[in-house]
Amino acid sequence: MNHTSGIRQARKQKTRQALLDTALELLEGQSLSSLGLREVTRAVGIAPTAFYRHFRSVEDLGVALVEEALGSLHPMIRTIVSTTGDGEERVARAVELIAGHVDAHPAHVRFIARERHGGVRAVREAIREQLALFTVEVAEALAEDPVSAGWGEEDLAMLAQLYVDQMLVTASALLEAPVRGAERERVVRMAARRMRLIGIGRAHWLDGGVGGGGGG
């Protein structure tokens, strides 16, 4: 790539990111289905036709936002599952990581929470695919834990789904709570209790034939 092409590519990437960032700001107060292409391009300061150099449609932009919002979460998910220490330490670390992400990226979290069941099918599917990937990654990590000895694949997938769902519930609850104060403490405490409950159930799932029986 020559110098001129490099500059052109950098400018294109900068404009693309500006479209993503601006759309995310506009989506603070509305759903993706109501967001207009001209509204986004006007806010960025480019002609509507220039939009198509970066995205095929507003739906396509929404899918890119999903990838931006959830794609970066994979390392955090793996860290949560692989955190060492006793049960209390692991739970506290998990909630701390989720809270830190919500505080750092509230707009992304709000976008996913709203559009997960929103009116744009392509975005709903993109979110579902990312969450399914999270579940697979968590299940693979759980399978390596000695506590999971004797578990079938189906049960591990079910447990992984519980953890992923709880992470989403926790993130949404933290998003609505003030950064500090009694409400925040209540949300954190409840999130920890729920994850602790999942952990207790996990530890005793195979006791006396209570659980198990999943595929393997």
C-alpha atoms as a PDB file:
ATOM      1  CA  MET A   1       0.000   0.000   0.000  1.00  0.00           C
ATOM      2  CA  ASN A   2       1.506   3.352  -1.035  1.00  0.00           C
ATOM      3  CA  HIS A   3       1.385   6.519   1.053  1.00  0.00           C
ATOM      4  CA  THR A   4      -1.637   7.994  -0.747  1.00  0.00           C
ATOM      5  CA  SER A   5      -3.626   4.782  -0.461  1.00  0.00           C
ATOM      6  CA  GLY A   6      -2.718   4.560   3.209  1.00  0.00           C
ATOM      7  CA  ILE A   7      -4.014   8.074   3.877  1.00  0.00           C
ATOM      8  CA  ARG A   8      -7.213   7.350   1.960  1.00  0.00           C
ATOM      9  CA  GLN A   9      -7.774   4.124   3.887  1.00  0.00           C
ATOM     10  CA  ALA A  10      -7.167   5.882   7.205  1.00  0.00           C
ATOM     11  CA  ARG A  11      -9.707   8.581   6.318  1.00  0.00           C
ATOM     12  CA  LYS A  12     -12.237   5.950   5.287  1.00  0.00           C
ATOM     13  CA  GLN A  13     -11.773   4.103   8.559  1.00  0.00           C
ATOM     14  CA  LYS A  14     -12.100   7.365  10.493  1.00  0.00           C
ATOM     15  CA  THR A  15     -15.397   8.180   8.759  1.00  0.00           C
ATOM     16  CA  ARG A  16     -16.685   4.643   9.338  1.00  0.00           C
ATOM     17  CA  GLN A  17     -15.905   4.905  13.030  1.00  0.00           C
ATOM     18  CA  ALA A  18     -17.550   8.320  13.165  1.00  0.00           C
ATOM     19  CA  LEU A  19     -20.729   6.791  11.724  1.00  0.00           C
ATOM     20  CA  LEU A  20     -20.663   4.046  14.359  1.00  0.00           C
ATOM     21  CA  ASP A  21     -19.969   6.439  17.226  1.00  0.00           C
ATOM     22  CA  THR A  22     -22.613   8.926  16.093  1.00  0.00           C
ATOM     23  CA  ALA A  23     -25.229   6.248  15.577  1.00  0.00           C
ATOM     24  CA  LEU A  24     -24.533   4.915  19.064  1.00  0.00           C
ATOM     25  CA  GLU A  25     -25.031   8.413  20.506  1.00  0.00           C
ATOM     26  CA  LEU A  26     -28.293   8.872  18.609  1.00  0.00           C
ATOM     27  CA  LEU A  27     -29.485   5.458  19.812  1.00  0.00           C
ATOM     28  CA  GLU A  28     -29.291   6.613  23.424  1.00  0.00           C
ATOM     29  CA  GLY A  29     -32.782   8.009  22.939  1.00  0.00           C
ATOM     30  CA  GLN A  30     -34.344   5.786  20.288  1.00  0.00           C
ATOM     31  CA  SER A  31     -34.358   2.300  18.799  1.00  0.00           C
ATOM     32  CA  LEU A  32     -32.442   1.278  15.698  1.00  0.00           C
ATOM     33  CA  SER A  33     -35.675   0.726  13.768  1.00  0.00           C
ATOM     34  CA  SER A  34     -36.469   4.435  14.088  1.00  0.00           C
ATOM     35  CA  LEU A  35     -32.968   5.663  13.207  1.00  0.00           C
ATOM     36  CA  GLY A  36     -32.726   7.297   9.803  1.00  0.00           C
ATOM     37  CA  LEU A  37     -29.735   7.206   7.489  1.00  0.00           C
ATOM     38  CA  ARG A  38     -29.956  10.940   6.852  1.00  0.00           C
ATOM     39  CA  GLU A  39     -30.100  11.599  10.586  1.00  0.00           C
ATOM     40  CA  VAL A  40     -26.787   9.813  11.040  1.00  0.00           C
ATOM     41  CA  THR A  41     -25.007  11.334   8.046  1.00  0.00           C
ATOM     42  CA  ARG A  42     -26.191  14.832   8.928  1.00  0.00           C
ATOM     43  CA  ALA A  43     -24.765  14.446  12.427  1.00  0.00           C
ATOM     44  CA  VAL A  44     -21.454  13.174  11.031  1.00  0.00           C
ATOM     45  CA  GLY A  45     -21.342  15.900   8.390  1.00  0.00           C
ATOM     46  CA  ILE A  46     -21.228  13.781   5.237  1.00  0.00           C
ATOM     47  CA  ALA A  47     -23.548  13.369   2.269  1.00  0.00           C
ATOM     48  CA  PRO A  48     -26.116  10.548   2.539  1.00  0.00           C
ATOM     49  CA  THR A  49     -24.610   8.858  -0.527  1.00  0.00           C
ATOM     50  CA  ALA A  50     -21.248   8.646   1.267  1.00  0.00           C
ATOM     51  CA  PHE A  51     -22.857   6.375   3.851  1.00  0.00           C
ATOM     52  CA  TYR A  52     -22.918   3.522   1.334  1.00  0.00           C
ATOM     53  CA  ARG A  53     -19.150   3.523   1.070  1.00  0.00           C
ATOM     54  CA  HIS A  54     -19.127   2.093   4.571  1.00  0.00           C
ATOM     55  CA  PHE A  55     -22.426   0.266   5.162  1.00  0.00           C
ATOM     56  CA  ARG A  56     -25.096  -1.245   2.937  1.00  0.00           C
ATOM     57  CA  SER A  57     -27.893   0.006   5.184  1.00  0.00           C
ATOM     58  CA  VAL A  58     -28.723   1.182   8.695  1.00  0.00           C
ATOM     59  CA  GLU A  59     -29.318  -2.487   9.528  1.00  0.00           C
ATOM     60  CA  ASP A  60     -25.786  -3.266   8.374  1.00  0.00           C
ATOM     61  CA  LEU A  61     -24.502  -0.467  10.600  1.00  0.00           C
ATOM     62  CA  GLY A  62     -26.464  -1.984  13.477  1.00  0.00           C
ATOM     63  CA  VAL A  63     -24.818  -5.371  12.935  1.00  0.00           C
ATOM     64  CA  ALA A  64     -21.421  -3.644  12.996  1.00  0.00           C
ATOM     65  CA  LEU A  65     -22.391  -2.053  16.319  1.00  0.00           C
ATOM     66  CA  VAL A  66     -23.232  -5.492  17.689  1.00  0.00           C
ATOM     67  CA  GLU A  67     -19.803  -6.754  16.677  1.00  0.00           C
ATOM     68  CA  GLU A  68     -18.194  -3.707  18.263  1.00  0.00           C
ATOM     69  CA  ALA A  69     -20.226  -4.008  21.466  1.00  0.00           C
ATOM     70  CA  LEU A  70     -20.003  -7.763  22.002  1.00  0.00           C
ATOM     71  CA  GLY A  71     -16.889  -8.754  20.089  1.00  0.00           C
ATOM     72  CA  SER A  72     -14.654  -7.115  22.662  1.00  0.00           C
ATOM     73  CA  LEU A  73     -16.327  -9.032  25.495  1.00  0.00           C
ATOM     74  CA  HIS A  74     -14.839 -12.428  24.671  1.00  0.00           C
ATOM     75  CA  PRO A  75     -11.643 -11.863  26.719  1.00  0.00           C
ATOM     76  CA  MET A  76     -13.709 -10.666  29.689  1.00  0.00           C
ATOM     77  CA  ILE A  77     -16.003 -13.702  29.495  1.00  0.00           C
ATOM     78  CA  ARG A  78     -13.016 -16.039  29.448  1.00  0.00           C
ATOM     79  CA  THR A  79     -11.488 -14.195  32.412  1.00  0.00           C
ATOM     80  CA  ILE A  80     -14.692 -14.489  34.426  1.00  0.00           C
ATOM     81  CA  VAL A  81     -14.937 -18.238  33.853  1.00  0.00           C
ATOM     82  CA  SER A  82     -11.240 -18.948  34.406  1.00  0.00           C
ATOM     83  CA  THR A  83     -10.785 -16.749  37.500  1.00  0.00           C
ATOM     84  CA  THR A  84      -9.044 -18.708  40.235  1.00  0.00           C
ATOM     85  CA  GLY A  85      -9.734 -18.660  43.971  1.00  0.00           C
ATOM     86  CA  ASP A  86     -12.550 -19.907  46.145  1.00  0.00           C
ATOM     87  CA  GLY A  87     -16.218 -19.495  45.272  1.00  0.00           C
ATOM     88  CA  GLU A  88     -16.617 -16.118  46.954  1.00  0.00           C
ATOM     89  CA  GLU A  89     -13.528 -14.686  45.252  1.00  0.00           C
ATOM     90  CA  ARG A  90     -14.642 -15.899  41.817  1.00  0.00           C
ATOM     91  CA  VAL A  91     -18.123 -14.464  42.224  1.00  0.00           C
ATOM     92  CA  ALA A  92     -16.799 -11.116  43.451  1.00  0.00           C
ATOM     93  CA  ARG A  93     -14.336 -10.953  40.564  1.00  0.00           C
ATOM     94  CA  ALA A  94     -17.032 -11.780  38.024  1.00  0.00           C
ATOM     95  CA  VAL A  95     -19.377  -9.060  39.276  1.00  0.00           C
ATOM     96  CA  GLU A  96     -16.487  -6.594  39.434  1.00  0.00           C
ATOM     97  CA  LEU A  97     -15.551  -7.262  35.803  1.00  0.00           C
ATOM     98  CA  ILE A  98     -19.145  -6.904  34.616  1.00  0.00           C
ATOM     99  CA  ALA A  99     -19.610  -3.664  36.566  1.00  0.00           C
ATOM    100  CA  GLY A 100     -16.372  -2.277  35.184  1.00  0.00           C
ATOM    101  CA  HIS A 101     -17.459  -2.985  31.621  1.00  0.00           C
ATOM    102  CA  VAL A 102     -20.869  -1.391  32.150  1.00  0.00           C
ATOM    103  CA  ASP A 103     -19.275   1.722  33.630  1.00  0.00           C
ATOM    104  CA  ALA A 104     -16.806   1.968  30.750  1.00  0.00           C
ATOM    105  CA  HIS A 105     -19.261   1.228  27.912  1.00  0.00           C
ATOM    106  CA  PRO A 106     -22.804   2.163  29.004  1.00  0.00           C
ATOM    107  CA  ALA A 107     -23.972   3.097  25.503  1.00  0.00           C
ATOM    108  CA  HIS A 108     -22.920  -0.259  24.086  1.00  0.00           C
ATOM    109  CA  VAL A 109     -24.603  -2.140  26.930  1.00  0.00           C
ATOM    110  CA  ARG A 110     -27.804  -0.120  26.503  1.00  0.00           C
ATOM    111  CA  PHE A 111     -27.797  -0.756  22.750  1.00  0.00           C
ATOM    112  CA  ILE A 112     -27.542  -4.520  23.216  1.00  0.00           C
ATOM    113  CA  ALA A 113     -30.155  -4.573  25.976  1.00  0.00           C
ATOM    114  CA  ARG A 114     -32.622  -2.667  23.782  1.00  0.00           C
ATOM    115  CA  GLU A 115     -31.947  -4.335  20.456  1.00  0.00           C
ATOM    116  CA  ARG A 116     -31.720  -7.909  21.740  1.00  0.00           C
ATOM    117  CA  HIS A 117     -35.489  -8.047  21.380  1.00  0.00           C
ATOM    118  CA  GLY A 118     -35.832  -5.049  19.059  1.00  0.00           C
ATOM    119  CA  GLY A 119     -37.478  -4.658  15.705  1.00  0.00           C
ATOM    120  CA  VAL A 120     -34.465  -5.190  13.427  1.00  0.00           C
ATOM    121  CA  ARG A 121     -34.162  -8.873  12.613  1.00  0.00           C
ATOM    122  CA  ALA A 122     -30.567  -8.802  11.337  1.00  0.00           C
ATOM    123  CA  VAL A 123     -29.418  -7.155  14.562  1.00  0.00           C
ATOM    124  CA  ARG A 124     -31.372  -9.576  16.758  1.00  0.00           C
ATOM    125  CA  GLU A 125     -29.758 -12.468  14.900  1.00  0.00           C
ATOM    126  CA  ALA A 126     -26.291 -10.933  15.209  1.00  0.00           C
ATOM    127  CA  ILE A 127     -26.759 -10.545  18.974  1.00  0.00           C
ATOM    128  CA  ARG A 128     -28.058 -14.102  19.258  1.00  0.00           C
ATOM    129  CA  GLU A 129     -25.054 -15.437  17.332  1.00  0.00           C
ATOM    130  CA  GLN A 130     -22.596 -13.575  19.560  1.00  0.00           C
ATOM    131  CA  LEU A 131     -24.332 -14.804  22.725  1.00  0.00           C
ATOM    132  CA  ALA A 132     -24.343 -18.356  21.375  1.00  0.00           C
ATOM    133  CA  LEU A 133     -20.600 -18.050  20.828  1.00  0.00           C
ATOM    134  CA  PHE A 134     -20.205 -16.826  24.414  1.00  0.00           C
ATOM    135  CA  THR A 135     -22.118 -19.876  25.608  1.00  0.00           C
ATOM    136  CA  VAL A 136     -19.851 -22.230  23.658  1.00  0.00           C
ATOM    137  CA  GLU A 137     -16.735 -20.533  25.036  1.00  0.00           C
ATOM    138  CA  VAL A 138     -18.043 -20.704  28.603  1.00  0.00           C
ATOM    139  CA  ALA A 139     -19.038 -24.359  28.203  1.00  0.00           C
ATOM    140  CA  GLU A 140     -15.545 -25.212  26.911  1.00  0.00           C
ATOM    141  CA  ALA A 141     -13.951 -23.426  29.872  1.00  0.00           C
ATOM    142  CA  LEU A 142     -16.289 -25.113  32.349  1.00  0.00           C
ATOM    143  CA  ALA A 143     -15.491 -28.525  30.870  1.00  0.00           C
ATOM    144  CA  GLU A 144     -11.834 -28.065  31.865  1.00  0.00           C
ATOM    145  CA  ASP A 145     -12.743 -27.377  35.503  1.00  0.00           C
ATOM    146  CA  PRO A 146     -12.437 -30.410  37.817  1.00  0.00           C
ATOM    147  CA  VAL A 147     -15.860 -29.554  39.279  1.00  0.00           C
ATOM    148  CA  SER A 148     -17.351 -30.514  35.920  1.00  0.00           C
ATOM    149  CA  ALA A 149     -16.025 -34.084  36.022  1.00  0.00           C
ATOM    150  CA  GLY A 150     -18.790 -36.418  34.886  1.00  0.00           C
ATOM    151  CA  TRP A 151     -20.892 -33.708  33.241  1.00  0.00           C
ATOM    152  CA  GLY A 152     -22.368 -34.308  29.817  1.00  0.00           C
ATOM    153  CA  GLU A 153     -22.157 -31.788  26.981  1.00  0.00           C
ATOM    154  CA  GLU A 154     -25.846 -30.920  27.222  1.00  0.00           C
ATOM    155  CA  ASP A 155     -25.626 -30.108  30.927  1.00  0.00           C
ATOM    156  CA  LEU A 156     -22.458 -28.060  30.423  1.00  0.00           C
ATOM    157  CA  ALA A 157     -24.211 -26.079  27.696  1.00  0.00           C
ATOM    158  CA  MET A 158     -27.164 -25.491  30.017  1.00  0.00           C
ATOM    159  CA  LEU A 159     -24.870 -24.295  32.805  1.00  0.00           C
ATOM    160  CA  ALA A 160     -22.973 -22.032  30.412  1.00  0.00           C
ATOM    161  CA  GLN A 161     -26.248 -20.519  29.256  1.00  0.00           C
ATOM    162  CA  LEU A 162     -27.185 -19.797  32.877  1.00  0.00           C
ATOM    163  CA  TYR A 163     -23.921 -17.940  33.400  1.00  0.00           C
ATOM    164  CA  VAL A 164     -24.246 -15.940  30.181  1.00  0.00           C
ATOM    165  CA  ASP A 165     -27.867 -15.038  30.946  1.00  0.00           C
ATOM    166  CA  GLN A 166     -26.896 -13.937  34.442  1.00  0.00           C
ATOM    167  CA  MET A 167     -24.113 -11.757  33.064  1.00  0.00           C
ATOM    168  CA  LEU A 168     -26.638 -10.034  30.804  1.00  0.00           C
ATOM    169  CA  VAL A 169     -29.138  -9.575  33.630  1.00  0.00           C
ATOM    170  CA  THR A 170     -26.409  -8.148  35.856  1.00  0.00           C
ATOM    171  CA  ALA A 171     -25.193  -5.761  33.151  1.00  0.00           C
ATOM    172  CA  SER A 172     -28.719  -4.484  32.488  1.00  0.00           C
ATOM    173  CA  ALA A 173     -29.417  -3.986  36.196  1.00  0.00           C
ATOM    174  CA  LEU A 174     -26.129  -2.129  36.728  1.00  0.00           C
ATOM    175  CA  LEU A 175     -26.906   0.070  33.743  1.00  0.00           C
ATOM    176  CA  GLU A 176     -30.053   1.340  35.429  1.00  0.00           C
ATOM    177  CA  ALA A 177     -28.470   1.847  38.846  1.00  0.00           C
ATOM    178  CA  PRO A 178     -26.474   4.946  39.864  1.00  0.00           C
ATOM    179  CA  VAL A 179     -22.698   4.483  39.762  1.00  0.00           C
ATOM    180  CA  ARG A 180     -22.613   4.842  43.553  1.00  0.00           C
ATOM    181  CA  GLY A 181     -25.101   4.482  46.354  1.00  0.00           C
ATOM    182  CA  ALA A 182     -27.444   2.021  48.010  1.00  0.00           C
ATOM    183  CA  GLU A 183     -29.148   0.948  44.775  1.00  0.00           C
ATOM    184  CA  ARG A 184     -25.833   0.071  43.174  1.00  0.00           C
ATOM    185  CA  GLU A 185     -24.819  -1.923  46.232  1.00  0.00           C
ATOM    186  CA  ARG A 186     -28.135  -3.765  46.165  1.00  0.00           C
ATOM    187  CA  VAL A 187     -27.687  -4.704  42.495  1.00  0.00           C
ATOM    188  CA  VAL A 188     -24.131  -5.910  43.103  1.00  0.00           C
ATOM    189  CA  ARG A 189     -25.204  -7.901  46.154  1.00  0.00           C
ATOM    190  CA  MET A 190     -28.104  -9.531  44.299  1.00  0.00           C
ATOM    191  CA  ALA A 191     -25.907 -10.353  41.307  1.00  0.00           C
ATOM    192  CA  ALA A 192     -23.396 -12.033  43.606  1.00  0.00           C
ATOM    193  CA  ARG A 193     -26.125 -14.049  45.329  1.00  0.00           C
ATOM    194  CA  ARG A 194     -27.526 -15.272  42.018  1.00  0.00           C
ATOM    195  CA  MET A 195     -24.118 -16.335  40.735  1.00  0.00           C
ATOM    196  CA  ARG A 196     -23.439 -18.010  44.084  1.00  0.00           C
ATOM    197  CA  LEU A 197     -26.704 -19.901  43.756  1.00  0.00           C
ATOM    198  CA  ILE A 198     -25.716 -21.128  40.296  1.00  0.00           C
ATOM    199  CA  GLY A 199     -22.384 -22.226  41.761  1.00  0.00           C
ATOM    200  CA  ILE A 200     -24.069 -24.176  44.582  1.00  0.00           C
ATOM    201  CA  GLY A 201     -26.358 -25.881  42.116  1.00  0.00           C
ATOM    202  CA  ARG A 202     -23.388 -26.734  39.958  1.00  0.00           C
ATOM    203  CA  ALA A 203     -21.492 -28.295  42.849  1.00  0.00           C
ATOM    204  CA  HIS A 204     -24.404 -30.607  43.695  1.00  0.00           C
ATOM    205  CA  TRP A 205     -25.879 -31.212  40.247  1.00  0.00           C
ATOM    206  CA  LEU A 206     -24.697 -34.818  40.071  1.00  0.00           C
ATOM    207  CA  ASP A 207     -25.429 -35.670  43.717  1.00  0.00           C
ATOM    208  CA  GLY A 208     -27.726 -38.637  44.102  1.00  0.00           C
ATOM    209  CA  GLY A 209     -28.875 -38.482  40.506  1.00  0.00           C
ATOM    210  CA  VAL A 210     -30.388 -35.022  40.910  1.00  0.00           C
ATOM    211  CA  GLY A 211     -28.986 -33.832  37.619  1.00  0.00           C
ATOM    212  CA  GLY A 212     -26.917 -35.179  34.804  1.00  0.00           C
ATOM    213  CA  GLY A 213     -28.275 -37.345  32.126  1.00  0.00           C
ATOM    214  CA  GLY A 214     -27.449 -34.756  29.473  1.00  0.00           C
ATOM    215  CA  GLY A 215     -25.819 -35.591  26.216  1.00  0.00           C
ATOM    216  CA  GLY A 216     -22.151 -36.385  26.229  1.00  0.00           C
END
